[in-house]
Amino acid sequence: MSEMQDYKSSLSDVTSRKFETFSYLPEMDDERIRKQVAYIVSKGWNPAIEHVEPENAFDHYWYMWKLPMFGETDVDRILAEVEACHKAHPDNHIRLIGYDNYQQTKGAEMVVRRGTPV
């Protein structure tokens, strides 16, 4: 049996914090993010974008970037909104969500851009 790896994460070090499953993997490049957006679209989920300051990332509420993109199927348009949010809030974490309107839950949720702690 292989050794379990300890992921160093602490509240005092905001750069070490883990947010969701993808946080334990290497940071996603643009192509991997594109594949995740395509997956959200293929499932018929409604994409939404949220952002928050790194020091407040563990608060319950993140700021919503505009409204969820109900019915949006254009991957490039969704990615353009992610980049617009990142440009408007370069120091914030940016999170992409896929809302499943049939199950009334989040089908996917991942941090796609990490902000710089102040």
PDB file of N, CA and C in Angstrom:
ATOM      1  N   MET A   1       0.848  -1.178   0.000  1.00  0.00           N
ATOM      2  CA  MET A   1       0.000   0.000   0.000  1.00  0.00           C
ATOM      3  C   MET A   1       0.891   1.239   0.000  1.00  0.00           C
ATOM      4  N   SER A   2       0.510   2.228  -0.758  1.00  0.00           N
ATOM      5  CA  SER A   2       1.324   3.447  -0.837  1.00  0.00           C
ATOM      6  C   SER A   2       1.022   4.371   0.341  1.00  0.00           C
ATOM      7  N   GLU A   3       1.964   5.256   0.586  1.00  0.00           N
ATOM      8  CA  GLU A   3       1.810   6.232   1.660  1.00  0.00           C
ATOM      9  C   GLU A   3       0.746   7.254   1.286  1.00  0.00           C
ATOM     10  N   MET A   4      -0.028   7.689   2.267  1.00  0.00           N
ATOM     11  CA  MET A   4      -0.996   8.751   2.056  1.00  0.00           C
ATOM     12  C   MET A   4      -0.241  10.077   2.039  1.00  0.00           C
ATOM     13  N   GLN A   5      -0.613  10.962   1.124  1.00  0.00           N
ATOM     14  CA  GLN A   5       0.046  12.258   1.035  1.00  0.00           C
ATOM     15  C   GLN A   5      -0.701  13.264   1.893  1.00  0.00           C
ATOM     16  N   ASP A   6       0.038  14.034   2.666  1.00  0.00           N
ATOM     17  CA  ASP A   6      -0.551  15.069   3.502  1.00  0.00           C
ATOM     18  C   ASP A   6      -0.538  16.382   2.723  1.00  0.00           C
ATOM     19  N   TYR A   7      -1.695  16.960   2.501  1.00  0.00           N
ATOM     20  CA  TYR A   7      -1.787  18.239   1.819  1.00  0.00           C
ATOM     21  C   TYR A   7      -1.765  19.336   2.861  1.00  0.00           C
ATOM     22  N   LYS A   8      -0.701  20.113   2.849  1.00  0.00           N
ATOM     23  CA  LYS A   8      -0.557  21.205   3.804  1.00  0.00           C
ATOM     24  C   LYS A   8      -1.589  22.280   3.483  1.00  0.00           C
ATOM     25  N   SER A   9      -2.484  22.525   4.423  1.00  0.00           N
ATOM     26  CA  SER A   9      -3.524  23.527   4.252  1.00  0.00           C
ATOM     27  C   SER A   9      -3.835  24.106   5.624  1.00  0.00           C
ATOM     28  N   SER A  10      -3.887  25.438   5.702  1.00  0.00           N
ATOM     29  CA  SER A  10      -4.186  26.062   6.983  1.00  0.00           C
ATOM     30  C   SER A  10      -4.962  27.346   6.783  1.00  0.00           C
ATOM     31  N   LEU A  11      -5.693  27.726   7.812  1.00  0.00           N
ATOM     32  CA  LEU A  11      -6.456  28.967   7.741  1.00  0.00           C
ATOM     33  C   LEU A  11      -5.547  30.181   7.721  1.00  0.00           C
ATOM     34  N   SER A  12      -4.383  30.088   8.366  1.00  0.00           N
ATOM     35  CA  SER A  12      -3.491  31.243   8.427  1.00  0.00           C
ATOM     36  C   SER A  12      -2.747  31.492   7.113  1.00  0.00           C
ATOM     37  N   ASP A  13      -2.622  30.474   6.262  1.00  0.00           N
ATOM     38  CA  ASP A  13      -1.940  30.623   4.976  1.00  0.00           C
ATOM     39  C   ASP A  13      -2.979  30.529   3.865  1.00  0.00           C
ATOM     40  N   VAL A  14      -3.460  31.689   3.382  1.00  0.00           N
ATOM     41  CA  VAL A  14      -4.554  31.682   2.404  1.00  0.00           C
ATOM     42  C   VAL A  14      -4.169  31.056   1.077  1.00  0.00           C
ATOM     43  N   THR A  15      -2.884  30.980   0.766  1.00  0.00           N
ATOM     44  CA  THR A  15      -2.472  30.365  -0.501  1.00  0.00           C
ATOM     45  C   THR A  15      -2.515  28.842  -0.433  1.00  0.00           C
ATOM     46  N   SER A  16      -2.599  28.271   0.755  1.00  0.00           N
ATOM     47  CA  SER A  16      -2.593  26.815   0.895  1.00  0.00           C
ATOM     48  C   SER A  16      -3.995  26.213   0.965  1.00  0.00           C
ATOM     49  N   ARG A  17      -5.008  27.010   1.058  1.00  0.00           N
ATOM     50  CA  ARG A  17      -6.361  26.511   1.297  1.00  0.00           C
ATOM     51  C   ARG A  17      -6.924  25.722   0.132  1.00  0.00           C
ATOM     52  N   LYS A  18      -7.658  24.688   0.469  1.00  0.00           N
ATOM     53  CA  LYS A  18      -8.318  23.836  -0.514  1.00  0.00           C
ATOM     54  C   LYS A  18      -9.806  24.172  -0.509  1.00  0.00           C
ATOM     55  N   PHE A  19     -10.412  24.213  -1.704  1.00  0.00           N
ATOM     56  CA  PHE A  19     -11.807  24.627  -1.804  1.00  0.00           C
ATOM     57  C   PHE A  19     -12.737  23.502  -2.230  1.00  0.00           C
ATOM     58  N   GLU A  20     -12.279  22.636  -3.096  1.00  0.00           N
ATOM     59  CA  GLU A  20     -13.107  21.558  -3.627  1.00  0.00           C
ATOM     60  C   GLU A  20     -12.178  20.503  -4.193  1.00  0.00           C
ATOM     61  N   THR A  21     -12.726  19.467  -4.774  1.00  0.00           N
ATOM     62  CA  THR A  21     -11.922  18.343  -5.262  1.00  0.00           C
ATOM     63  C   THR A  21     -10.787  18.790  -6.166  1.00  0.00           C
ATOM     64  N   PHE A  22     -11.050  19.709  -7.106  1.00  0.00           N
ATOM     65  CA  PHE A  22     -10.016  20.125  -8.045  1.00  0.00           C
ATOM     66  C   PHE A  22      -8.855  20.848  -7.367  1.00  0.00           C
ATOM     67  N   SER A  23      -9.042  21.352  -6.148  1.00  0.00           N
ATOM     68  CA  SER A  23      -7.958  22.033  -5.441  1.00  0.00           C
ATOM     69  C   SER A  23      -6.808  21.095  -5.116  1.00  0.00           C
ATOM     70  N   TYR A  24      -7.070  19.803  -5.080  1.00  0.00           N
ATOM     71  CA  TYR A  24      -6.036  18.833  -4.747  1.00  0.00           C
ATOM     72  C   TYR A  24      -5.267  18.365  -5.980  1.00  0.00           C
ATOM     73  N   LEU A  25      -5.689  18.800  -7.139  1.00  0.00           N
ATOM     74  CA  LEU A  25      -5.024  18.466  -8.392  1.00  0.00           C
ATOM     75  C   LEU A  25      -4.170  19.649  -8.829  1.00  0.00           C
ATOM     76  N   PRO A  26      -3.254  19.456  -9.772  1.00  0.00           N
ATOM     77  CA  PRO A  26      -2.511  20.603 -10.299  1.00  0.00           C
ATOM     78  C   PRO A  26      -3.487  21.646 -10.859  1.00  0.00           C
ATOM     79  N   GLU A  27      -3.102  22.904 -10.786  1.00  0.00           N
ATOM     80  CA  GLU A  27      -3.967  23.981 -11.260  1.00  0.00           C
ATOM     81  C   GLU A  27      -4.361  23.746 -12.721  1.00  0.00           C
ATOM     82  N   MET A  28      -5.621  23.980 -13.026  1.00  0.00           N
ATOM     83  CA  MET A  28      -6.112  23.741 -14.386  1.00  0.00           C
ATOM     84  C   MET A  28      -5.613  24.819 -15.330  1.00  0.00           C
ATOM     85  N   ASP A  29      -5.156  24.393 -16.503  1.00  0.00           N
ATOM     86  CA  ASP A  29      -4.797  25.356 -17.533  1.00  0.00           C
ATOM     87  C   ASP A  29      -6.060  25.700 -18.327  1.00  0.00           C
ATOM     88  N   ASP A  30      -5.928  26.611 -19.287  1.00  0.00           N
ATOM     89  CA  ASP A  30      -7.095  27.075 -20.042  1.00  0.00           C
ATOM     90  C   ASP A  30      -7.814  25.944 -20.768  1.00  0.00           C
ATOM     91  N   GLU A  31      -7.072  24.972 -21.275  1.00  0.00           N
ATOM     92  CA  GLU A  31      -7.702  23.863 -22.010  1.00  0.00           C
ATOM     93  C   GLU A  31      -8.528  22.984 -21.075  1.00  0.00           C
ATOM     94  N   ARG A  32      -8.027  22.735 -19.886  1.00  0.00           N
ATOM     95  CA  ARG A  32      -8.795  21.922 -18.919  1.00  0.00           C
ATOM     96  C   ARG A  32     -10.036  22.665 -18.447  1.00  0.00           C
ATOM     97  N   ILE A  33      -9.911  23.968 -18.255  1.00  0.00           N
ATOM     98  CA  ILE A  33     -11.090  24.762 -17.876  1.00  0.00           C
ATOM     99  C   ILE A  33     -12.122  24.700 -18.993  1.00  0.00           C
ATOM    100  N   ARG A  34     -11.666  24.812 -20.238  1.00  0.00           N
ATOM    101  CA  ARG A  34     -12.569  24.726 -21.395  1.00  0.00           C
ATOM    102  C   ARG A  34     -13.311  23.387 -21.391  1.00  0.00           C
ATOM    103  N   LYS A  35     -12.614  22.297 -21.087  1.00  0.00           N
ATOM    104  CA  LYS A  35     -13.244  20.974 -21.044  1.00  0.00           C
ATOM    105  C   LYS A  35     -14.292  20.896 -19.938  1.00  0.00           C
ATOM    106  N   GLN A  36     -14.030  21.521 -18.810  1.00  0.00           N
ATOM    107  CA  GLN A  36     -15.009  21.528 -17.726  1.00  0.00           C
ATOM    108  C   GLN A  36     -16.252  22.331 -18.109  1.00  0.00           C
ATOM    109  N   VAL A  37     -16.041  23.470 -18.781  1.00  0.00           N
ATOM    110  CA  VAL A  37     -17.182  24.270 -19.252  1.00  0.00           C
ATOM    111  C   VAL A  37     -17.984  23.468 -20.273  1.00  0.00           C
ATOM    112  N   ALA A  38     -17.294  22.792 -21.182  1.00  0.00           N
ATOM    113  CA  ALA A  38     -17.979  21.965 -22.179  1.00  0.00           C
ATOM    114  C   ALA A  38     -18.782  20.849 -21.502  1.00  0.00           C
ATOM    115  N   TYR A  39     -18.240  20.276 -20.439  1.00  0.00           N
ATOM    116  CA  TYR A  39     -18.967  19.239 -19.703  1.00  0.00           C
ATOM    117  C   TYR A  39     -20.236  19.807 -19.070  1.00  0.00           C
ATOM    118  N   ILE A  40     -20.111  20.981 -18.441  1.00  0.00           N
ATOM    119  CA  ILE A  40     -21.281  21.632 -17.834  1.00  0.00           C
ATOM    120  C   ILE A  40     -22.356  21.864 -18.888  1.00  0.00           C
ATOM    121  N   VAL A  41     -21.958  22.372 -20.048  1.00  0.00           N
ATOM    122  CA  VAL A  41     -22.902  22.624 -21.141  1.00  0.00           C
ATOM    123  C   VAL A  41     -23.518  21.321 -21.642  1.00  0.00           C
ATOM    124  N   SER A  42     -22.689  20.279 -21.772  1.00  0.00           N
ATOM    125  CA  SER A  42     -23.189  18.995 -22.292  1.00  0.00           C
ATOM    126  C   SER A  42     -24.228  18.365 -21.370  1.00  0.00           C
ATOM    127  N   LYS A  43     -24.148  18.652 -20.074  1.00  0.00           N
ATOM    128  CA  LYS A  43     -25.115  18.126 -19.113  1.00  0.00           C
ATOM    129  C   LYS A  43     -26.392  18.952 -19.073  1.00  0.00           C
ATOM    130  N   GLY A  44     -26.395  20.096 -19.764  1.00  0.00           N
ATOM    131  CA  GLY A  44     -27.568  20.968 -19.742  1.00  0.00           C
ATOM    132  C   GLY A  44     -27.661  21.816 -18.489  1.00  0.00           C
ATOM    133  N   TRP A  45     -26.552  21.928 -17.756  1.00  0.00           N
ATOM    134  CA  TRP A  45     -26.541  22.722 -16.538  1.00  0.00           C
ATOM    135  C   TRP A  45     -26.363  24.199 -16.874  1.00  0.00           C
ATOM    136  N   ASN A  46     -26.848  25.054 -16.002  1.00  0.00           N
ATOM    137  CA  ASN A  46     -26.745  26.496 -16.197  1.00  0.00           C
ATOM    138  C   ASN A  46     -25.475  27.020 -15.521  1.00  0.00           C
ATOM    139  N   PRO A  47     -24.557  27.595 -16.300  1.00  0.00           N
ATOM    140  CA  PRO A  47     -23.318  28.109 -15.713  1.00  0.00           C
ATOM    141  C   PRO A  47     -23.545  29.413 -14.956  1.00  0.00           C
ATOM    142  N   ALA A  48     -22.765  29.584 -13.915  1.00  0.00           N
ATOM    143  CA  ALA A  48     -22.771  30.825 -13.142  1.00  0.00           C
ATOM    144  C   ALA A  48     -21.344  31.073 -12.669  1.00  0.00           C
ATOM    145  N   ILE A  49     -21.032  32.316 -12.403  1.00  0.00           N
ATOM    146  CA  ILE A  49     -19.688  32.708 -11.976  1.00  0.00           C
ATOM    147  C   ILE A  49     -19.809  33.483 -10.669  1.00  0.00           C
ATOM    148  N   GLU A  50     -18.928  33.160  -9.729  1.00  0.00           N
ATOM    149  CA  GLU A  50     -18.863  33.868  -8.456  1.00  0.00           C
ATOM    150  C   GLU A  50     -17.414  34.270  -8.197  1.00  0.00           C
ATOM    151  N   HIS A  51     -17.232  35.256  -7.328  1.00  0.00           N
ATOM    152  CA  HIS A  51     -15.882  35.695  -6.965  1.00  0.00           C
ATOM    153  C   HIS A  51     -15.856  36.152  -5.516  1.00  0.00           C
ATOM    154  N   VAL A  52     -14.670  36.113  -4.923  1.00  0.00           N
ATOM    155  CA  VAL A  52     -14.507  36.550  -3.535  1.00  0.00           C
ATOM    156  C   VAL A  52     -13.031  36.843  -3.276  1.00  0.00           C
ATOM    157  N   GLU A  53     -12.769  37.693  -2.286  1.00  0.00           N
ATOM    158  CA  GLU A  53     -11.405  37.973  -1.874  1.00  0.00           C
ATOM    159  C   GLU A  53     -10.830  36.704  -1.236  1.00  0.00           C
ATOM    160  N   PRO A  54      -9.549  36.405  -1.474  1.00  0.00           N
ATOM    161  CA  PRO A  54      -8.967  35.171  -0.921  1.00  0.00           C
ATOM    162  C   PRO A  54      -9.135  35.041   0.591  1.00  0.00           C
ATOM    163  N   GLU A  55      -9.019  36.135   1.311  1.00  0.00           N
ATOM    164  CA  GLU A  55      -9.135  36.051   2.769  1.00  0.00           C
ATOM    165  C   GLU A  55     -10.561  35.746   3.230  1.00  0.00           C
ATOM    166  N   ASN A  56     -11.548  35.918   2.351  1.00  0.00           N
ATOM    167  CA  ASN A  56     -12.947  35.634   2.699  1.00  0.00           C
ATOM    168  C   ASN A  56     -13.482  34.388   2.000  1.00  0.00           C
ATOM    169  N   ALA A  57     -12.610  33.601   1.418  1.00  0.00           N
ATOM    170  CA  ALA A  57     -13.044  32.466   0.602  1.00  0.00           C
ATOM    171  C   ALA A  57     -13.799  31.404   1.401  1.00  0.00           C
ATOM    172  N   PHE A  58     -13.604  31.345   2.704  1.00  0.00           N
ATOM    173  CA  PHE A  58     -14.308  30.343   3.495  1.00  0.00           C
ATOM    174  C   PHE A  58     -15.602  30.879   4.083  1.00  0.00           C
ATOM    175  N   ASP A  59     -15.944  32.112   3.770  1.00  0.00           N
ATOM    176  CA  ASP A  59     -17.257  32.620   4.168  1.00  0.00           C
ATOM    177  C   ASP A  59     -18.325  31.871   3.383  1.00  0.00           C
ATOM    178  N   HIS A  60     -19.526  31.923   3.857  1.00  0.00           N
ATOM    179  CA  HIS A  60     -20.609  31.176   3.214  1.00  0.00           C
ATOM    180  C   HIS A  60     -20.998  31.748   1.858  1.00  0.00           C
ATOM    181  N   TYR A  61     -20.846  33.036   1.695  1.00  0.00           N
ATOM    182  CA  TYR A  61     -21.343  33.669   0.470  1.00  0.00           C
ATOM    183  C   TYR A  61     -20.214  34.267  -0.360  1.00  0.00           C
ATOM    184  N   TRP A  62     -20.239  33.961  -1.629  1.00  0.00           N
ATOM    185  CA  TRP A  62     -19.356  34.588  -2.605  1.00  0.00           C
ATOM    186  C   TRP A  62     -20.221  35.566  -3.392  1.00  0.00           C
ATOM    187  N   TYR A  63     -19.592  36.573  -4.004  1.00  0.00           N
ATOM    188  CA  TYR A  63     -20.333  37.531  -4.826  1.00  0.00           C
ATOM    189  C   TYR A  63     -20.674  36.890  -6.168  1.00  0.00           C
ATOM    190  N   MET A  64     -21.905  37.067  -6.608  1.00  0.00           N
ATOM    191  CA  MET A  64     -22.281  36.533  -7.908  1.00  0.00           C
ATOM    192  C   MET A  64     -21.892  37.536  -8.990  1.00  0.00           C
ATOM    193  N   TRP A  65     -21.272  37.047 -10.050  1.00  0.00           N
ATOM    194  CA  TRP A  65     -20.932  37.870 -11.208  1.00  0.00           C
ATOM    195  C   TRP A  65     -22.127  37.817 -12.149  1.00  0.00           C
ATOM    196  N   LYS A  66     -22.838  38.910 -12.222  1.00  0.00           N
ATOM    197  CA  LYS A  66     -24.059  38.989 -13.036  1.00  0.00           C
ATOM    198  C   LYS A  66     -25.035  37.905 -12.593  1.00  0.00           C
ATOM    199  N   LEU A  67     -25.956  37.535 -13.445  1.00  0.00           N
ATOM    200  CA  LEU A  67     -26.903  36.460 -13.141  1.00  0.00           C
ATOM    201  C   LEU A  67     -26.389  35.151 -13.728  1.00  0.00           C
ATOM    202  N   PRO A  68     -26.897  34.000 -13.251  1.00  0.00           N
ATOM    203  CA  PRO A  68     -26.522  32.748 -13.918  1.00  0.00           C
ATOM    204  C   PRO A  68     -26.873  32.828 -15.405  1.00  0.00           C
ATOM    205  N   MET A  69     -26.119  32.134 -16.224  1.00  0.00           N
ATOM    206  CA  MET A  69     -26.308  32.189 -17.680  1.00  0.00           C
ATOM    207  C   MET A  69     -27.283  31.081 -18.101  1.00  0.00           C
ATOM    208  N   PHE A  70     -28.540  31.293 -17.776  1.00  0.00           N
ATOM    209  CA  PHE A  70     -29.581  30.301 -18.041  1.00  0.00           C
ATOM    210  C   PHE A  70     -29.645  29.955 -19.523  1.00  0.00           C
ATOM    211  N   GLY A  71     -29.486  28.676 -19.825  1.00  0.00           N
ATOM    212  CA  GLY A  71     -29.602  28.206 -21.198  1.00  0.00           C
ATOM    213  C   GLY A  71     -28.413  28.485 -22.092  1.00  0.00           C
ATOM    214  N   GLU A  72     -27.348  29.049 -21.556  1.00  0.00           N
ATOM    215  CA  GLU A  72     -26.177  29.362 -22.389  1.00  0.00           C
ATOM    216  C   GLU A  72     -25.453  28.074 -22.777  1.00  0.00           C
ATOM    217  N   THR A  73     -25.176  27.917 -24.060  1.00  0.00           N
ATOM    218  CA  THR A  73     -24.490  26.719 -24.553  1.00  0.00           C
ATOM    219  C   THR A  73     -23.181  27.042 -25.271  1.00  0.00           C
ATOM    220  N   ASP A  74     -22.842  28.316 -25.405  1.00  0.00           N
ATOM    221  CA  ASP A  74     -21.624  28.728 -26.097  1.00  0.00           C
ATOM    222  C   ASP A  74     -20.457  28.755 -25.100  1.00  0.00           C
ATOM    223  N   VAL A  75     -19.560  27.796 -25.230  1.00  0.00           N
ATOM    224  CA  VAL A  75     -18.421  27.678 -24.320  1.00  0.00           C
ATOM    225  C   VAL A  75     -17.572  28.944 -24.339  1.00  0.00           C
ATOM    226  N   ASP A  76     -17.334  29.503 -25.523  1.00  0.00           N
ATOM    227  CA  ASP A  76     -16.513  30.715 -25.627  1.00  0.00           C
ATOM    228  C   ASP A  76     -17.150  31.891 -24.898  1.00  0.00           C
ATOM    229  N   ARG A  77     -18.452  31.985 -24.948  1.00  0.00           N
ATOM    230  CA  ARG A  77     -19.146  33.086 -24.270  1.00  0.00           C
ATOM    231  C   ARG A  77     -19.029  32.946 -22.752  1.00  0.00           C
ATOM    232  N   ILE A  78     -19.136  31.715 -22.269  1.00  0.00           N
ATOM    233  CA  ILE A  78     -18.997  31.466 -20.833  1.00  0.00           C
ATOM    234  C   ILE A  78     -17.574  31.800 -20.383  1.00  0.00           C
ATOM    235  N   LEU A  79     -16.593  31.344 -21.157  1.00  0.00           N
ATOM    236  CA  LEU A  79     -15.191  31.638 -20.826  1.00  0.00           C
ATOM    237  C   LEU A  79     -14.908  33.135 -20.886  1.00  0.00           C
ATOM    238  N   ALA A  80     -15.548  33.839 -21.802  1.00  0.00           N
ATOM    239  CA  ALA A  80     -15.374  35.292 -21.886  1.00  0.00           C
ATOM    240  C   ALA A  80     -15.897  35.966 -20.615  1.00  0.00           C
ATOM    241  N   GLU A  81     -16.980  35.456 -20.056  1.00  0.00           N
ATOM    242  CA  GLU A  81     -17.511  36.011 -18.804  1.00  0.00           C
ATOM    243  C   GLU A  81     -16.579  35.714 -17.635  1.00  0.00           C
ATOM    244  N   VAL A  82     -15.975  34.523 -17.623  1.00  0.00           N
ATOM    245  CA  VAL A  82     -14.979  34.206 -16.584  1.00  0.00           C
ATOM    246  C   VAL A  82     -13.842  35.210 -16.663  1.00  0.00           C
ATOM    247  N   GLU A  83     -13.359  35.472 -17.867  1.00  0.00           N
ATOM    248  CA  GLU A  83     -12.248  36.420 -18.036  1.00  0.00           C
ATOM    249  C   GLU A  83     -12.669  37.848 -17.703  1.00  0.00           C
ATOM    250  N   ALA A  84     -13.891  38.217 -18.025  1.00  0.00           N
ATOM    251  CA  ALA A  84     -14.380  39.563 -17.690  1.00  0.00           C
ATOM    252  C   ALA A  84     -14.437  39.738 -16.175  1.00  0.00           C
ATOM    253  N   CYS A  85     -14.889  38.707 -15.474  1.00  0.00           N
ATOM    254  CA  CYS A  85     -14.927  38.748 -14.014  1.00  0.00           C
ATOM    255  C   CYS A  85     -13.511  38.841 -13.458  1.00  0.00           C
ATOM    256  N   HIS A  86     -12.599  38.059 -14.010  1.00  0.00           N
ATOM    257  CA  HIS A  86     -11.205  38.083 -13.558  1.00  0.00           C
ATOM    258  C   HIS A  86     -10.561  39.442 -13.819  1.00  0.00           C
ATOM    259  N   LYS A  87     -10.874  40.042 -14.947  1.00  0.00           N
ATOM    260  CA  LYS A  87     -10.328  41.363 -15.275  1.00  0.00           C
ATOM    261  C   LYS A  87     -10.872  42.434 -14.328  1.00  0.00           C
ATOM    262  N   ALA A  88     -12.158  42.324 -13.988  1.00  0.00           N
ATOM    263  CA  ALA A  88     -12.776  43.301 -13.087  1.00  0.00           C
ATOM    264  C   ALA A  88     -12.320  43.108 -11.640  1.00  0.00           C
ATOM    265  N   HIS A  89     -11.974  41.872 -11.273  1.00  0.00           N
ATOM    266  CA  HIS A  89     -11.571  41.547  -9.900  1.00  0.00           C
ATOM    267  C   HIS A  89     -10.310  40.679  -9.928  1.00  0.00           C
ATOM    268  N   PRO A  90      -9.176  41.229 -10.349  1.00  0.00           N
ATOM    269  CA  PRO A  90      -7.967  40.414 -10.561  1.00  0.00           C
ATOM    270  C   PRO A  90      -7.404  39.776  -9.297  1.00  0.00           C
ATOM    271  N   ASP A  91      -7.705  40.325  -8.129  1.00  0.00           N
ATOM    272  CA  ASP A  91      -7.170  39.775  -6.888  1.00  0.00           C
ATOM    273  C   ASP A  91      -8.087  38.739  -6.240  1.00  0.00           C
ATOM    274  N   ASN A  92      -9.263  38.525  -6.816  1.00  0.00           N
ATOM    275  CA  ASN A  92     -10.246  37.604  -6.235  1.00  0.00           C
ATOM    276  C   ASN A  92     -10.143  36.205  -6.824  1.00  0.00           C
ATOM    277  N   HIS A  93     -10.616  35.234  -6.044  1.00  0.00           N
ATOM    278  CA  HIS A  93     -10.816  33.880  -6.565  1.00  0.00           C
ATOM    279  C   HIS A  93     -12.065  33.919  -7.439  1.00  0.00           C
ATOM    280  N   ILE A  94     -12.030  33.188  -8.549  1.00  0.00           N
ATOM    281  CA  ILE A  94     -13.184  33.102  -9.450  1.00  0.00           C
ATOM    282  C   ILE A  94     -13.647  31.650  -9.465  1.00  0.00           C
ATOM    283  N   ARG A  95     -14.937  31.444  -9.237  1.00  0.00           N
ATOM    284  CA  ARG A  95     -15.495  30.095  -9.173  1.00  0.00           C
ATOM    285  C   ARG A  95     -16.549  29.925 -10.266  1.00  0.00           C
ATOM    286  N   LEU A  96     -16.482  28.799 -10.952  1.00  0.00           N
ATOM    287  CA  LEU A  96     -17.463  28.432 -11.976  1.00  0.00           C
ATOM    288  C   LEU A  96     -18.391  27.375 -11.399  1.00  0.00           C
ATOM    289  N   ILE A  97     -19.680  27.566 -11.594  1.00  0.00           N
ATOM    290  CA  ILE A  97     -20.696  26.653 -11.076  1.00  0.00           C
ATOM    291  C   ILE A  97     -21.559  26.177 -12.232  1.00  0.00           C
ATOM    292  N   GLY A  98     -21.984  24.932 -12.175  1.00  0.00           N
ATOM    293  CA  GLY A  98     -22.959  24.385 -13.111  1.00  0.00           C
ATOM    294  C   GLY A  98     -24.200  24.002 -12.329  1.00  0.00           C
ATOM    295  N   TYR A  99     -25.271  24.776 -12.441  1.00  0.00           N
ATOM    296  CA  TYR A  99     -26.517  24.487 -11.720  1.00  0.00           C
ATOM    297  C   TYR A  99     -27.350  23.477 -12.499  1.00  0.00           C
ATOM    298  N   ASP A 100     -27.737  22.413 -11.836  1.00  0.00           N
ATOM    299  CA  ASP A 100     -28.616  21.398 -12.409  1.00  0.00           C
ATOM    300  C   ASP A 100     -30.042  21.777 -12.038  1.00  0.00           C
ATOM    301  N   ASN A 101     -30.787  22.321 -12.996  1.00  0.00           N
ATOM    302  CA  ASN A 101     -32.130  22.806 -12.673  1.00  0.00           C
ATOM    303  C   ASN A 101     -33.145  21.682 -12.451  1.00  0.00           C
ATOM    304  N   TYR A 102     -32.825  20.449 -12.827  1.00  0.00           N
ATOM    305  CA  TYR A 102     -33.746  19.331 -12.566  1.00  0.00           C
ATOM    306  C   TYR A 102     -33.570  18.801 -11.147  1.00  0.00           C
ATOM    307  N   GLN A 103     -32.339  18.650 -10.723  1.00  0.00           N
ATOM    308  CA  GLN A 103     -32.057  18.167  -9.366  1.00  0.00           C
ATOM    309  C   GLN A 103     -32.095  19.296  -8.335  1.00  0.00           C
ATOM    310  N   GLN A 104     -32.105  20.554  -8.809  1.00  0.00           N
ATOM    311  CA  GLN A 104     -32.099  21.728  -7.937  1.00  0.00           C
ATOM    312  C   GLN A 104     -30.848  21.755  -7.045  1.00  0.00           C
ATOM    313  N   THR A 105     -29.704  21.421  -7.651  1.00  0.00           N
ATOM    314  CA  THR A 105     -28.434  21.402  -6.935  1.00  0.00           C
ATOM    315  C   THR A 105     -27.329  21.928  -7.839  1.00  0.00           C
ATOM    316  N   LYS A 106     -26.152  22.040  -7.277  1.00  0.00           N
ATOM    317  CA  LYS A 106     -24.969  22.336  -8.070  1.00  0.00           C
ATOM    318  C   LYS A 106     -24.438  21.021  -8.618  1.00  0.00           C
ATOM    319  N   GLY A 107     -24.357  20.911  -9.924  1.00  0.00           N
ATOM    320  CA  GLY A 107     -23.801  19.711 -10.536  1.00  0.00           C
ATOM    321  C   GLY A 107     -22.295  19.770 -10.600  1.00  0.00           C
ATOM    322  N   ALA A 108     -21.752  20.979 -10.625  1.00  0.00           N
ATOM    323  CA  ALA A 108     -20.306  21.180 -10.675  1.00  0.00           C
ATOM    324  C   ALA A 108     -19.982  22.507  -9.998  1.00  0.00           C
ATOM    325  N   GLU A 109     -18.799  22.565  -9.419  1.00  0.00           N
ATOM    326  CA  GLU A 109     -18.344  23.795  -8.778  1.00  0.00           C
ATOM    327  C   GLU A 109     -16.830  23.716  -8.662  1.00  0.00           C
ATOM    328  N   MET A 110     -16.135  24.716  -9.202  1.00  0.00           N
ATOM    329  CA  MET A 110     -14.678  24.689  -9.163  1.00  0.00           C
ATOM    330  C   MET A 110     -14.105  26.100  -9.229  1.00  0.00           C
ATOM    331  N   VAL A 111     -12.997  26.312  -8.535  1.00  0.00           N
ATOM    332  CA  VAL A 111     -12.265  27.573  -8.625  1.00  0.00           C
ATOM    333  C   VAL A 111     -11.434  27.503  -9.903  1.00  0.00           C
ATOM    334  N   VAL A 112     -11.660  28.456 -10.810  1.00  0.00           N
ATOM    335  CA  VAL A 112     -10.944  28.443 -12.088  1.00  0.00           C
ATOM    336  C   VAL A 112      -9.843  29.502 -12.162  1.00  0.00           C
ATOM    337  N   ARG A 113      -9.882  30.477 -11.282  1.00  0.00           N
ATOM    338  CA  ARG A 113      -8.815  31.485 -11.185  1.00  0.00           C
ATOM    339  C   ARG A 113      -8.604  31.769  -9.702  1.00  0.00           C
ATOM    340  N   ARG A 114      -7.347  31.723  -9.288  1.00  0.00           N
ATOM    341  CA  ARG A 114      -7.037  32.040  -7.890  1.00  0.00           C
ATOM    342  C   ARG A 114      -6.529  33.475  -7.802  1.00  0.00           C
ATOM    343  N   GLY A 115      -7.052  34.187  -6.835  1.00  0.00           N
ATOM    344  CA  GLY A 115      -6.632  35.558  -6.627  1.00  0.00           C
ATOM    345  C   GLY A 115      -5.349  35.639  -5.809  1.00  0.00           C
ATOM    346  N   THR A 116      -4.850  36.841  -5.671  1.00  0.00           N
ATOM    347  CA  THR A 116      -3.647  37.083  -4.902  1.00  0.00           C
ATOM    348  C   THR A 116      -4.036  37.615  -3.538  1.00  0.00           C
ATOM    349  N   PRO A 117      -3.610  36.960  -2.465  1.00  0.00           N
ATOM    350  CA  PRO A 117      -3.960  37.474  -1.135  1.00  0.00           C
ATOM    351  C   PRO A 117      -3.327  38.831  -0.891  1.00  0.00           C
ATOM    352  N   VAL A 118      -4.059  39.666  -0.197  1.00  0.00           N
ATOM    353  CA  VAL A 118      -3.571  41.024   0.093  1.00  0.00           C
ATOM    354  C   VAL A 118      -2.750  41.012   1.353  1.00  0.00           C
TER     355      VAL A 118
END
